[in-house]
Protein backbone atom coordinates (compact mmCIF):
# COMPACT_ATOMS: atom_id res chain seq x y z
CA MET A 1 -87.40 -5.81 37.16
CA SER A 2 -86.67 -4.93 40.83
CA LYS A 3 -83.92 -7.02 42.41
CA ILE A 4 -84.42 -7.80 46.10
CA LEU A 5 -81.95 -9.60 48.37
CA LEU A 6 -83.57 -11.47 51.29
CA VAL A 7 -81.14 -12.18 54.15
CA GLU A 8 -82.73 -14.53 56.69
CA ASP A 9 -81.33 -17.58 58.50
CA GLU A 10 -84.71 -19.30 59.02
CA ALA A 11 -85.66 -21.18 55.84
CA ALA A 12 -89.38 -21.24 56.69
CA ILE A 13 -89.51 -17.46 57.00
CA ARG A 14 -87.57 -17.07 53.74
CA ARG A 15 -90.12 -19.24 51.94
CA VAL A 16 -93.04 -17.20 53.30
CA LEU A 17 -91.47 -13.86 52.39
CA VAL A 18 -90.48 -15.00 48.88
CA LYS A 19 -94.04 -16.27 48.32
CA ILE A 20 -95.54 -12.96 49.49
CA LEU A 21 -93.23 -10.88 47.31
CA ASN A 22 -93.74 -13.02 44.19
CA GLU A 23 -97.51 -12.89 44.58
CA GLU A 24 -97.41 -9.13 45.02
CA ASN A 25 -95.38 -8.36 41.90
CA LYS A 26 -94.12 -10.73 39.20
CA ASN A 27 -91.36 -8.19 38.46
CA TYR A 28 -89.72 -8.76 41.84
CA GLN A 29 -86.61 -10.91 41.41
CA VAL A 30 -85.75 -12.26 44.86
CA THR A 31 -82.32 -13.67 45.76
CA GLU A 32 -81.93 -15.55 49.07
CA ALA A 33 -79.03 -15.59 51.53
CA GLU A 34 -79.06 -17.75 54.66
CA ASP A 35 -76.66 -15.58 56.71
CA GLY A 36 -74.75 -12.31 56.69
CA LEU A 37 -71.47 -13.67 55.31
CA VAL A 38 -73.23 -15.20 52.29
CA ALA A 39 -75.15 -11.95 51.84
CA MET A 40 -71.99 -9.83 51.74
CA ASP A 41 -70.42 -12.07 49.08
CA ILE A 42 -73.55 -11.61 46.96
CA ILE A 43 -73.77 -7.83 47.59
CA LYS A 44 -70.15 -7.31 46.52
CA ASN A 45 -70.78 -8.99 43.17
CA GLU A 46 -74.34 -7.96 42.35
CA ASP A 47 -76.47 -4.80 42.41
CA PHE A 48 -79.79 -4.76 44.24
CA ASP A 49 -82.67 -2.33 44.50
CA LEU A 50 -83.56 -3.40 48.03
CA ILE A 51 -82.23 -5.60 50.86
CA LEU A 52 -84.48 -7.24 53.45
CA CYS A 53 -82.21 -8.28 56.30
CA ASP A 54 -82.85 -10.16 59.53
CA ILE A 55 -81.13 -8.76 62.64
CA LYS A 56 -80.34 -11.90 64.63
CA MET A 57 -78.23 -14.27 62.51
CA PRO A 58 -75.21 -16.52 63.09
CA LYS A 59 -71.72 -15.69 61.71
CA MET A 60 -72.61 -12.09 60.81
CA ASP A 61 -75.68 -10.29 62.17
CA GLY A 62 -77.91 -7.75 60.42
CA VAL A 63 -76.28 -4.73 62.07
CA GLU A 64 -72.91 -5.76 60.65
CA VAL A 65 -74.48 -6.33 57.22
CA LEU A 66 -76.01 -2.84 57.37
CA GLU A 67 -72.68 -1.23 58.28
CA ALA A 68 -70.70 -3.14 55.66
CA THR A 69 -73.22 -2.51 52.88
CA HIS A 70 -73.38 1.22 53.57
CA LYS A 71 -69.62 1.41 53.10
CA ILE A 72 -69.58 -0.21 49.65
CA LYS A 73 -73.08 0.47 48.26
CA PRO A 74 -74.73 3.23 50.32
CA GLU A 75 -77.44 3.80 47.71
CA ILE A 76 -79.21 0.47 48.44
CA PRO A 77 -82.13 0.86 50.90
CA ILE A 78 -82.08 -1.76 53.66
CA VAL A 79 -85.17 -2.86 55.59
CA MET A 80 -84.42 -4.71 58.81
CA ILE A 81 -86.46 -7.74 59.95
CA SER A 82 -86.76 -7.84 63.72
CA GLY A 83 -88.02 -10.37 66.22
CA HIS A 84 -89.95 -9.19 69.26
CA GLY A 85 -86.78 -8.93 71.34
CA ASP A 86 -84.90 -7.03 68.65
CA LEU A 87 -87.07 -3.87 68.56
CA ASP A 88 -84.54 -1.68 70.40
CA THR A 89 -81.84 -2.84 68.00
CA ALA A 90 -84.18 -2.24 65.05
CA VAL A 91 -84.71 1.36 66.14
CA GLN A 92 -80.95 1.74 66.51
CA THR A 93 -80.42 0.52 62.92
CA MET A 94 -82.78 3.29 61.73
CA ARG A 95 -80.38 5.80 63.26
CA MET A 96 -77.58 4.02 61.43
CA GLY A 97 -79.27 4.51 58.07
CA ALA A 98 -81.70 1.60 57.66
CA PHE A 99 -84.73 2.57 55.58
CA ASP A 100 -87.23 0.91 57.94
CA TYR A 101 -87.88 -2.24 59.94
CA ILE A 102 -90.66 -4.84 60.00
CA SER A 103 -91.48 -7.16 62.88
CA LYS A 104 -91.87 -10.92 62.88
CA PRO A 105 -94.32 -12.31 62.03
CA PRO A 106 -94.63 -9.72 59.25
CA ASP A 107 -97.90 -7.87 58.71
CA LEU A 108 -98.66 -8.35 55.03
CA ASN A 109 -99.77 -4.79 54.24
CA ARG A 110 -96.94 -3.19 56.20
CA LEU A 111 -94.39 -5.43 54.53
CA LEU A 112 -95.59 -4.67 51.00
CA ASN A 113 -95.96 -0.93 51.66
CA THR A 114 -92.45 -0.79 53.10
CA VAL A 115 -91.04 -2.66 50.08
CA ARG A 116 -92.83 -0.36 47.64
CA ASN A 117 -91.69 2.79 49.48
CA ALA A 118 -88.10 1.56 49.65
CA LEU A 119 -88.05 0.75 45.92
CA ASP A 120 -89.54 4.18 45.13
CA ARG A 121 -86.79 5.77 47.20
CA LYS A 122 -84.10 3.79 45.33
CA GLU A 123 -85.59 4.95 42.02
CA LEU A 124 -85.49 8.55 43.26
CA VAL A 125 -81.83 8.17 44.29
CA VAL A 126 -80.98 6.80 40.83
CA GLU A 127 -82.79 9.70 39.14
CA ASN A 128 -81.00 12.23 41.36
CA THR A 129 -77.66 10.60 40.50
CA LYS A 130 -78.45 10.85 36.78
CA LEU A 131 -79.45 14.48 37.22
CA LYS A 132 -76.25 15.18 39.13
CA LYS A 133 -74.19 13.64 36.34
CA LYS A 134 -76.10 15.71 33.80
CA VAL A 135 -75.42 18.89 35.77
CA SER A 136 -71.76 17.95 36.17
CA LYS A 137 -71.39 17.88 32.37
CA ASN A 138 -71.61 21.67 32.52
CA PHE A 139 -68.29 21.57 34.35
CA GLU A 140 -66.35 19.12 32.20
CA MET A 141 -62.65 19.83 31.90
CA ILE A 142 -61.86 19.41 28.22
CA GLY A 143 -58.32 18.77 27.03
CA ASP A 144 -55.52 16.25 26.96
CA SER A 145 -52.57 18.64 26.84
CA GLU A 146 -49.74 18.07 29.29
CA ALA A 147 -50.85 21.05 31.40
CA ILE A 148 -54.48 19.89 31.71
CA THR A 149 -53.46 16.27 32.31
CA HIS A 150 -51.25 17.45 35.16
CA ILE A 151 -54.15 19.39 36.74
CA LYS A 152 -56.44 16.36 36.47
CA GLN A 153 -53.83 14.23 38.20
CA ILE A 154 -53.51 16.75 41.05
CA ILE A 155 -57.31 16.83 41.45
CA GLU A 156 -57.48 13.03 41.68
CA LYS A 157 -54.96 13.12 44.55
CA VAL A 158 -56.29 16.18 46.36
CA ALA A 159 -60.08 15.88 45.98
CA PRO A 160 -60.58 12.99 48.46
CA THR A 161 -58.82 15.00 51.18
CA ASP A 162 -60.06 18.11 53.00
CA ALA A 163 -56.95 20.10 52.04
CA ARG A 164 -57.68 23.71 51.13
CA VAL A 165 -56.86 24.64 47.53
CA LEU A 166 -55.95 27.96 45.93
CA ILE A 167 -56.58 28.11 42.18
CA THR A 168 -54.78 30.78 40.18
CA GLY A 169 -55.00 31.80 36.54
CA LYS A 170 -56.14 34.53 34.18
CA ASN A 171 -59.78 35.40 33.58
CA GLY A 172 -61.64 32.86 31.46
CA THR A 173 -59.17 29.99 31.92
CA GLY A 174 -61.61 27.73 33.77
CA LYS A 175 -60.77 28.14 37.47
CA GLU A 176 -64.42 27.49 38.33
CA LEU A 177 -64.26 24.12 36.54
CA VAL A 178 -61.32 23.05 38.69
CA ALA A 179 -63.26 24.00 41.82
CA HIS A 180 -66.29 21.97 40.73
CA TRP A 181 -64.14 18.96 39.90
CA LEU A 182 -62.55 19.14 43.35
CA HIS A 183 -66.00 19.12 44.95
CA GLN A 184 -67.56 16.44 42.73
CA LYS A 185 -64.66 14.04 43.29
CA SER A 186 -64.53 14.65 47.04
CA GLU A 187 -66.15 12.90 49.98
CA ARG A 188 -68.28 16.05 50.30
CA SER A 189 -69.90 15.68 46.88
CA LYS A 190 -73.28 14.82 48.45
CA GLY A 191 -73.16 18.10 50.34
CA PRO A 192 -73.67 21.59 48.92
CA MET A 193 -71.20 23.56 46.87
CA VAL A 194 -71.72 27.26 47.52
CA GLU A 195 -70.07 29.80 45.23
CA VAL A 196 -69.23 33.35 46.24
CA ASN A 197 -67.87 35.90 43.77
CA CYS A 198 -65.96 38.18 46.11
CA ALA A 199 -65.42 40.78 43.39
CA ALA A 200 -69.16 41.14 42.72
CA ILE A 201 -70.14 41.92 46.33
CA PRO A 202 -69.59 45.46 47.73
CA SER A 203 -66.98 45.51 50.49
CA GLU A 204 -69.53 46.73 53.06
CA LEU A 205 -71.74 43.68 52.38
CA ILE A 206 -69.17 40.90 51.97
CA GLU A 207 -69.06 40.01 55.69
CA SER A 208 -72.86 39.73 55.86
CA GLU A 209 -72.87 37.61 52.69
CA LEU A 210 -70.22 35.22 54.01
CA PHE A 211 -71.15 35.00 57.69
CA GLY A 212 -74.77 36.16 57.84
CA HIS A 213 -76.26 38.77 60.15
CA VAL A 214 -78.77 39.16 62.94
CA LYS A 215 -81.83 41.38 62.85
CA GLY A 216 -80.89 45.00 63.48
CA ALA A 217 -77.19 44.53 62.74
CA PHE A 218 -77.46 47.34 60.18
CA THR A 219 -80.18 49.46 58.59
CA SER A 220 -81.56 46.94 56.10
CA ALA A 221 -81.16 43.88 58.36
CA ASN A 222 -84.86 43.21 58.90
CA LYS A 223 -84.41 39.59 60.00
CA ASP A 224 -81.74 37.05 60.90
CA ARG A 225 -79.96 35.64 57.86
CA ALA A 226 -77.54 32.75 57.52
CA GLY A 227 -74.34 33.34 55.56
CA LYS A 228 -72.66 31.34 52.83
CA PHE A 229 -70.40 29.49 55.27
CA GLU A 230 -73.44 28.13 57.11
CA ALA A 231 -75.13 27.27 53.80
CA ALA A 232 -72.04 25.27 52.76
CA ASN A 233 -71.93 23.24 55.99
CA GLY A 234 -70.98 19.65 55.16
CA GLY A 235 -69.86 20.66 51.68
CA THR A 236 -67.56 23.10 49.89
CA ILE A 237 -67.45 26.87 49.70
CA PHE A 238 -65.80 28.34 46.61
CA LEU A 239 -64.43 31.84 47.19
CA ASP A 240 -63.88 33.14 43.66
CA GLU A 241 -61.74 36.26 43.13
CA ILE A 242 -60.65 36.17 46.76
CA GLY A 243 -57.96 38.74 45.99
CA ASP A 244 -60.74 41.36 45.92
CA MET A 245 -61.93 40.62 49.46
CA SER A 246 -61.67 43.39 52.06
CA LEU A 247 -59.08 43.05 54.83
CA SER A 248 -61.75 42.92 57.55
CA ALA A 249 -63.53 40.05 55.77
CA GLN A 250 -60.16 38.32 55.32
CA ALA A 251 -59.67 38.39 59.09
CA LYS A 252 -63.01 36.65 59.64
CA VAL A 253 -62.29 34.06 56.96
CA LEU A 254 -58.96 33.36 58.66
CA ARG A 255 -60.76 32.77 61.98
CA ALA A 256 -63.26 30.46 60.28
CA LEU A 257 -60.38 28.41 58.85
CA GLN A 258 -58.51 28.30 62.16
CA GLU A 259 -61.42 27.48 64.47
CA ASN A 260 -64.14 26.10 62.18
CA LYS A 261 -66.44 28.75 63.63
CA VAL A 262 -68.21 31.82 62.28
CA SER A 263 -70.24 34.56 63.92
CA ARG A 264 -72.97 36.53 62.21
CA VAL A 265 -72.62 40.30 61.85
CA GLY A 266 -74.08 41.89 64.99
CA SER A 267 -73.77 38.72 67.08
CA ASP A 268 -71.10 37.37 69.42
CA LYS A 269 -72.48 33.82 69.22
CA ASP A 270 -70.20 31.28 67.56
CA ILE A 271 -71.63 28.85 65.01
CA LYS A 272 -69.72 25.66 64.26
CA VAL A 273 -69.20 24.96 60.55
CA ASP A 274 -67.72 21.99 58.70
CA VAL A 275 -66.68 23.45 55.37
CA ARG A 276 -63.93 22.82 52.85
CA VAL A 277 -62.63 26.07 51.38
CA VAL A 278 -61.51 26.33 47.77
CA ALA A 279 -60.42 29.79 46.62
CA ALA A 280 -59.48 31.30 43.27
CA THR A 281 -57.93 34.52 42.03
CA ASN A 282 -56.53 36.12 38.90
CA LYS A 283 -54.28 38.32 40.97
CA ASP A 284 -50.69 37.82 42.12
CA LEU A 285 -51.41 37.39 45.82
CA LYS A 286 -47.76 37.60 46.80
CA LYS A 287 -47.63 41.07 45.27
CA GLU A 288 -50.93 41.90 47.00
CA ILE A 289 -49.31 40.86 50.28
CA GLU A 290 -46.36 43.19 49.61
CA ASP A 291 -48.81 46.00 48.88
CA LYS A 292 -50.65 45.28 52.18
CA ASN A 293 -53.85 44.36 50.34
CA PHE A 294 -53.89 40.69 51.35
CA ARG A 295 -53.07 38.95 54.60
CA GLU A 296 -50.04 36.70 54.43
CA ASP A 297 -51.38 34.39 57.15
CA LEU A 298 -54.61 33.89 55.18
CA TYR A 299 -52.62 33.16 52.02
CA HIS A 300 -50.72 30.36 53.75
CA ARG A 301 -53.98 28.96 55.16
CA LEU A 302 -55.56 28.89 51.71
CA ALA A 303 -52.60 27.78 49.63
CA VAL A 304 -52.11 24.32 51.11
CA ILE A 305 -52.40 23.09 47.52
CA LEU A 306 -51.73 25.48 44.63
CA ILE A 307 -53.23 24.81 41.20
CA GLU A 308 -52.33 27.16 38.37
CA VAL A 309 -54.67 26.96 35.39
CA PRO A 310 -52.85 27.68 32.10
CA SER A 311 -54.04 30.22 29.57
CA LEU A 312 -55.50 28.96 26.29
CA ASN A 313 -52.40 30.23 24.48
CA GLU A 314 -50.38 27.79 26.62
CA ARG A 315 -52.52 24.83 25.59
CA ARG A 316 -53.34 25.45 21.93
CA GLU A 317 -53.30 21.71 21.20
CA ASP A 318 -56.58 21.47 23.13
CA ILE A 319 -58.41 23.90 20.82
CA PRO A 320 -59.83 21.22 18.43
CA LEU A 321 -61.27 19.30 21.41
CA LEU A 322 -62.73 22.49 22.85
CA VAL A 323 -64.22 23.47 19.48
CA ASN A 324 -65.89 20.07 19.17
CA TYR A 325 -67.22 20.30 22.75
CA PHE A 326 -68.65 23.80 22.25
CA THR A 327 -70.22 23.01 18.85
CA GLU A 328 -72.03 20.00 20.34
CA LYS A 329 -73.13 22.02 23.38
CA ILE A 330 -74.35 25.00 21.32
CA ALA A 331 -76.21 22.74 18.88
CA ALA A 332 -77.98 21.06 21.81
CA GLU A 333 -78.87 24.42 23.37
CA GLN A 334 -80.24 25.81 20.08
CA GLY A 335 -81.88 22.57 18.93
CA THR A 336 -79.96 22.55 15.66
CA ASN A 337 -77.63 20.15 13.86
CA LYS A 338 -73.99 20.29 14.81
CA LYS A 339 -71.76 22.17 12.33
CA GLU A 340 -68.35 20.78 11.41
CA PHE A 341 -65.11 22.76 11.31
CA THR A 342 -62.64 22.03 8.52
CA ASP A 343 -59.03 21.23 9.46
CA PRO A 344 -57.78 24.56 7.99
CA ALA A 345 -60.42 26.35 10.09
CA LEU A 346 -59.15 24.64 13.24
CA GLN A 347 -55.56 25.46 12.35
CA GLU A 348 -56.55 29.10 11.88
CA LEU A 349 -58.19 29.18 15.30
CA LYS A 350 -55.02 27.76 16.84
CA GLN A 351 -53.07 30.79 15.56
CA TYR A 352 -55.18 33.39 17.33
CA ASP A 353 -54.08 35.28 20.46
CA TRP A 354 -56.74 34.21 22.97
CA THR A 355 -56.54 37.02 25.52
CA GLY A 356 -60.00 36.10 26.82
CA ASN A 357 -59.05 32.43 27.01
CA ILE A 358 -61.73 29.70 26.90
CA ARG A 359 -64.54 32.18 27.53
CA GLU A 360 -63.50 34.09 24.41
CA LEU A 361 -63.17 30.88 22.37
CA ARG A 362 -66.71 29.85 23.30
CA ASN A 363 -68.09 33.20 22.15
CA VAL A 364 -66.19 32.97 18.86
CA ILE A 365 -67.47 29.44 18.20
CA GLU A 366 -71.06 30.55 18.77
CA ARG A 367 -70.56 33.52 16.43
CA LEU A 368 -69.09 31.26 13.72
CA ILE A 369 -71.98 28.80 14.05
CA ILE A 370 -74.53 31.59 13.66
CA LEU A 371 -72.82 33.52 10.86
CA GLY A 372 -70.89 30.77 9.04
CA GLY A 373 -72.05 28.30 6.42
CA LYS A 374 -73.09 24.67 6.81
CA GLU A 375 -69.42 23.87 7.30
CA ILE A 376 -67.13 26.32 9.08
CA THR A 377 -64.18 27.06 6.83
CA GLU A 378 -60.88 28.89 7.18
CA GLU A 379 -62.48 31.84 5.35
CA ASP A 380 -65.31 31.94 7.89
CA VAL A 381 -62.79 32.08 10.72
CA LYS A 382 -60.84 34.90 9.07
CA LEU A 383 -64.06 36.80 8.36
CA PHE A 384 -65.91 36.43 11.66
CA ALA A 385 -63.54 35.27 14.40
CA SER A 386 -61.87 38.62 14.94
CA LYS A 387 -65.06 40.71 14.71
CA LEU A 388 -65.26 41.57 18.41
């Protein structure tokens, strides 16, 4: 059942449009509103798959309805209904985000095609949202320990802002998860999140990777290439292991943060970028600054908000939750039934020294599921958990 809201101040036109829509598809459920103020009260309390909205109306016109609806329910496609003298305004509403417009008196085929296309688009948006939620499950932050609860609270406060964040912590603690949460809960979540592992890119290539290059800038530069900062425009760039970045690349990153501009290797042309920077490191950057390996001015630019991710040994109370999460995930990946861990087995896992943190725990859980019995016991943990 597709729910359509018809906003039109002329009762005769409403009757005609409702009749056309009902004859076209019995699954169209049409709600009527005689002006913009009534429409907004309805929109706030109900969900719709499509809004057909007249432009010229008393009390609150269609342009105002479009603006107000986009603020509270931007996913709803809105088709504007325009009189002959409203065509310029109708075109303007398209620039403001309206799906389309139809003229009065409405052409039957154009009206029905526009309605079908708008509903198809809404269905696609819903499917994309579901897919996005499914993808985001790969970056769930599992745990209710005091340390993890504190991080979640910081993320809730910081994510809606554009403040730069520096995430610190040992390898395998989940710094990437924090970065993804910051992006997904931000106003930039509809934009891209581009990840760069600074430790995995040779120092002579890091500048080209981040800022791009022009043809002929170096031997293998056969064509112009955009960098990661350009790719992340409108979204977030995650600079993982930033402590391994070369000093020359650090200088360019600093300029990008100061001026919101980058220049490709081999070019003196500035390119404007709108990017939120989130960085992470397992190094002590203050010591790196003392050793002249990291720029102090860049550190202060990045560390507007500092988030330190605790080691697994510092949050052992979260291990049962993590075990349950990984067993469900591994069972789904392998297409098998989930195996249960006995309480003594969980207690045994809580005693281990997790030098590899959550990454190590995940590997151990998978090993226990493969090698253990139908139920993972304390004996299984003692036998297989330490076999690295």
